[in-house]
C-alpha atoms as a PDB file:
ATOM      1  CA  UNK A   1     102.172-114.381  -2.973  1.00  0.00           C
ATOM      2  CA  UNK A   2     102.761-112.075  -0.034  1.00  0.00           C
ATOM      3  CA  UNK A   3     105.405-112.958   2.538  1.00  0.00           C
ATOM      4  CA  UNK A   4     102.621-113.456   5.077  1.00  0.00           C
ATOM      5  CA  UNK A   5     100.870-116.017   2.890  1.00  0.00           C
ATOM      6  CA  UNK A   6     104.158-117.693   1.988  1.00  0.00           C
ATOM      7  CA  UNK A   7     104.928-118.288   5.655  1.00  0.00           C
ATOM      8  CA  UNK A   8     101.498-119.810   6.207  1.00  0.00           C
ATOM      9  CA  UNK A   9     101.923-122.068   3.142  1.00  0.00           C
ATOM     10  CA  UNK A  10     105.320-123.197   4.426  1.00  0.00           C
ATOM     11  CA  UNK A  11     103.889-123.960   7.878  1.00  0.00           C
ATOM     12  CA  UNK A  12     100.958-125.823   6.293  1.00  0.00           C
ATOM     13  CA  UNK A  13     103.358-127.862   4.180  1.00  0.00           C
ATOM     14  CA  UNK A  14     105.357-128.800   7.281  1.00  0.00           C
ATOM     15  CA  UNK A  15     102.191-129.562   9.257  1.00  0.00           C
ATOM     16  CA  UNK A  16     100.789-131.837   6.531  1.00  0.00           C
ATOM     17  CA  UNK A  17     103.958-133.923   6.615  1.00  0.00           C
ATOM     18  CA  UNK A  18     104.614-136.745   4.177  1.00  0.00           C
ATOM     19  CA  UNK A  19     101.418-138.606   5.056  1.00  0.00           C
ATOM     20  CA  UNK A  20      99.145-135.595   4.578  1.00  0.00           C
ATOM     21  CA  UNK A  21     100.850-134.599   1.331  1.00  0.00           C
ATOM     22  CA  UNK A  22     100.510-138.157   0.015  1.00  0.00           C
ATOM     23  CA  UNK A  23      96.807-138.163   0.929  1.00  0.00           C
ATOM     24  CA  UNK A  24      96.034-134.947  -0.944  1.00  0.00           C
ATOM     25  CA  UNK A  25      98.281-135.887  -3.878  1.00  0.00           C
ATOM     26  CA  UNK A  26      96.461-139.218  -4.257  1.00  0.00           C
ATOM     27  CA  UNK A  27      93.097-137.421  -4.178  1.00  0.00           C
ATOM     28  CA  UNK A  28      94.200-135.096  -6.966  1.00  0.00           C
ATOM     29  CA  UNK A  29      95.605-137.923  -9.083  1.00  0.00           C
ATOM     30  CA  UNK A  30      92.588-140.221  -8.670  1.00  0.00           C
ATOM     31  CA  UNK A  31      89.724-137.720  -8.492  1.00  0.00           C
ATOM     32  CA  UNK A  32      90.990-134.466 -10.021  1.00  0.00           C
ATOM     33  CA  UNK A  33      90.450-132.509  -6.810  1.00  0.00           C
ATOM     34  CA  UNK A  34      92.068-132.265  -3.401  1.00  0.00           C
ATOM     35  CA  UNK A  35      88.683-132.525  -1.672  1.00  0.00           C
ATOM     36  CA  UNK A  36      86.607-135.327  -3.234  1.00  0.00           C
ATOM     37  CA  UNK A  37      83.797-137.224  -1.583  1.00  0.00           C
ATOM     38  CA  UNK A  38      85.305-140.675  -1.157  1.00  0.00           C
ATOM     39  CA  UNK A  39      83.527-143.973  -0.735  1.00  0.00           C
ATOM     40  CA  UNK A  40      83.655-144.638   2.962  1.00  0.00           C
ATOM     41  CA  UNK A  41      83.000-147.536   5.257  1.00  0.00           C
ATOM     42  CA  UNK A  42      80.837-150.405   3.986  1.00  0.00           C
ATOM     43  CA  UNK A  43      77.763-151.198   6.026  1.00  0.00           C
ATOM     44  CA  UNK A  44      76.316-154.656   6.606  1.00  0.00           C
ATOM     45  CA  UNK A  45      73.632-154.045   3.980  1.00  0.00           C
ATOM     46  CA  UNK A  46      76.331-153.375   1.355  1.00  0.00           C
ATOM     47  CA  UNK A  47      75.839-149.608   1.134  1.00  0.00           C
ATOM     48  CA  UNK A  48      78.614-147.191   2.052  1.00  0.00           C
ATOM     49  CA  UNK A  49      78.901-144.071   4.151  1.00  0.00           C
ATOM     50  CA  UNK A  50      80.416-141.230   2.103  1.00  0.00           C
ATOM     51  CA  UNK A  51      83.696-139.728   3.299  1.00  0.00           C
ATOM     52  CA  UNK A  52      83.545-135.997   2.455  1.00  0.00           C
ATOM     53  CA  UNK A  53      87.144-134.776   2.538  1.00  0.00           C
ATOM     54  CA  UNK A  54      85.916-131.154   2.775  1.00  0.00           C
ATOM     55  CA  UNK A  55      84.233-131.910   6.099  1.00  0.00           C
ATOM     56  CA  UNK A  56      86.920-134.135   7.579  1.00  0.00           C
ATOM     57  CA  UNK A  57      90.499-133.502   6.484  1.00  0.00           C
ATOM     58  CA  UNK A  58      89.444-130.140   5.044  1.00  0.00           C
ATOM     59  CA  UNK A  59      88.251-129.047   8.488  1.00  0.00           C
ATOM     60  CA  UNK A  60      91.601-130.034   9.980  1.00  0.00           C
ATOM     61  CA  UNK A  61      93.366-127.897   7.371  1.00  0.00           C
ATOM     62  CA  UNK A  62      91.005-124.958   7.989  1.00  0.00           C
ATOM     63  CA  UNK A  63      91.531-125.257  11.749  1.00  0.00           C
ATOM     64  CA  UNK A  64      95.297-125.296  11.228  1.00  0.00           C
ATOM     65  CA  UNK A  65      95.139-122.222   8.984  1.00  0.00           C
ATOM     66  CA  UNK A  66      92.961-120.432  11.521  1.00  0.00           C
ATOM     67  CA  UNK A  67      95.227-121.284  14.466  1.00  0.00           C
ATOM     68  CA  UNK A  68      98.414-120.896  12.426  1.00  0.00           C
ATOM     69  CA  UNK A  69      97.416-117.424  11.373  1.00  0.00           C
ATOM     70  CA  UNK A  70      96.869-116.339  14.960  1.00  0.00           C
ATOM     71  CA  UNK A  71     100.016-118.138  16.202  1.00  0.00           C
ATOM     72  CA  UNK A  72     102.249-116.396  13.671  1.00  0.00           C
ATOM     73  CA  UNK A  73     100.486-113.036  13.998  1.00  0.00           C
ATOM     74  CA  UNK A  74      99.114-113.209  10.473  1.00  0.00           C
ATOM     75  CA  UNK A  75      95.786-112.073   9.098  1.00  0.00           C
ATOM     76  CA  UNK A  76      93.048-114.154  10.661  1.00  0.00           C
ATOM     77  CA  UNK A  77      90.387-115.497   8.321  1.00  0.00           C
ATOM     78  CA  UNK A  78      86.678-115.457   8.984  1.00  0.00           C
ATOM     79  CA  UNK A  79      84.844-118.756   8.473  1.00  0.00           C
ATOM     80  CA  UNK A  80      83.330-117.953   5.080  1.00  0.00           C
ATOM     81  CA  UNK A  81      86.570-116.560   3.682  1.00  0.00           C
ATOM     82  CA  UNK A  82      88.494-119.596   4.915  1.00  0.00           C
ATOM     83  CA  UNK A  83      86.031-121.973   3.219  1.00  0.00           C
ATOM     84  CA  UNK A  84      86.655-120.069  -0.017  1.00  0.00           C
ATOM     85  CA  UNK A  85      90.471-120.051   0.107  1.00  0.00           C
ATOM     86  CA  UNK A  86      91.728-123.116   1.979  1.00  0.00           C
ATOM     87  CA  UNK A  87      91.983-125.364  -1.099  1.00  0.00           C
ATOM     88  CA  UNK A  88      94.277-122.749  -2.644  1.00  0.00           C
ATOM     89  CA  UNK A  89      96.514-123.050   0.395  1.00  0.00           C
ATOM     90  CA  UNK A  90      96.607-126.834  -0.040  1.00  0.00           C
ATOM     91  CA  UNK A  91      97.521-126.348  -3.716  1.00  0.00           C
ATOM     92  CA  UNK A  92     100.322-123.933  -2.808  1.00  0.00           C
ATOM     93  CA  UNK A  93     101.576-126.259  -0.046  1.00  0.00           C
ATOM     94  CA  UNK A  94     101.737-129.108  -2.566  1.00  0.00           C
ATOM     95  CA  UNK A  95     103.662-126.877  -5.024  1.00  0.00           C
ATOM     96  CA  UNK A  96     105.948-125.835  -2.182  1.00  0.00           C
ATOM     97  CA  UNK A  97     106.700-129.506  -1.565  1.00  0.00           C
ATOM     98  CA  UNK A  98     107.566-130.104  -5.221  1.00  0.00           C
ATOM     99  CA  UNK A  99     109.821-127.015  -5.330  1.00  0.00           C
ATOM    100  CA  UNK A 100     111.689-128.182  -2.208  1.00  0.00           C
ATOM    101  CA  UNK A 101     112.017-131.705  -3.622  1.00  0.00           C
ATOM    102  CA  UNK A 102     113.381-130.365  -6.943  1.00  0.00           C
ATOM    103  CA  UNK A 103     115.873-128.126  -5.136  1.00  0.00           C
ATOM    104  CA  UNK A 104     117.125-130.994  -2.959  1.00  0.00           C
ATOM    105  CA  UNK A 105     117.534-133.311  -5.946  1.00  0.00           C
ATOM    106  CA  UNK A 106     119.652-130.783  -7.827  1.00  0.00           C
ATOM    107  CA  UNK A 107     122.107-130.366  -4.917  1.00  0.00           C
END
């Protein structure tokens, strides 16, 4: 991973915080993907409104990556490219978390 990408992964990891990391970790453990379509709010008739993580939390991550890239003077993604790569950034941010946790535990 280039230094530029590493910085963006680190910033994404920090931005996600414990709550965001727990959310994506739970998705992976329960559904096998970071961006499942979850069962959403129940309606009065008993049906549910789907909760597409790609369109909700995924959009927040893509917006962060887009703004983070420009803030830190990094390569700015176009919309199509960002849709193709943002899950990889989530994966790397989650690995980054585990590496930091392992390093802290061994101290």
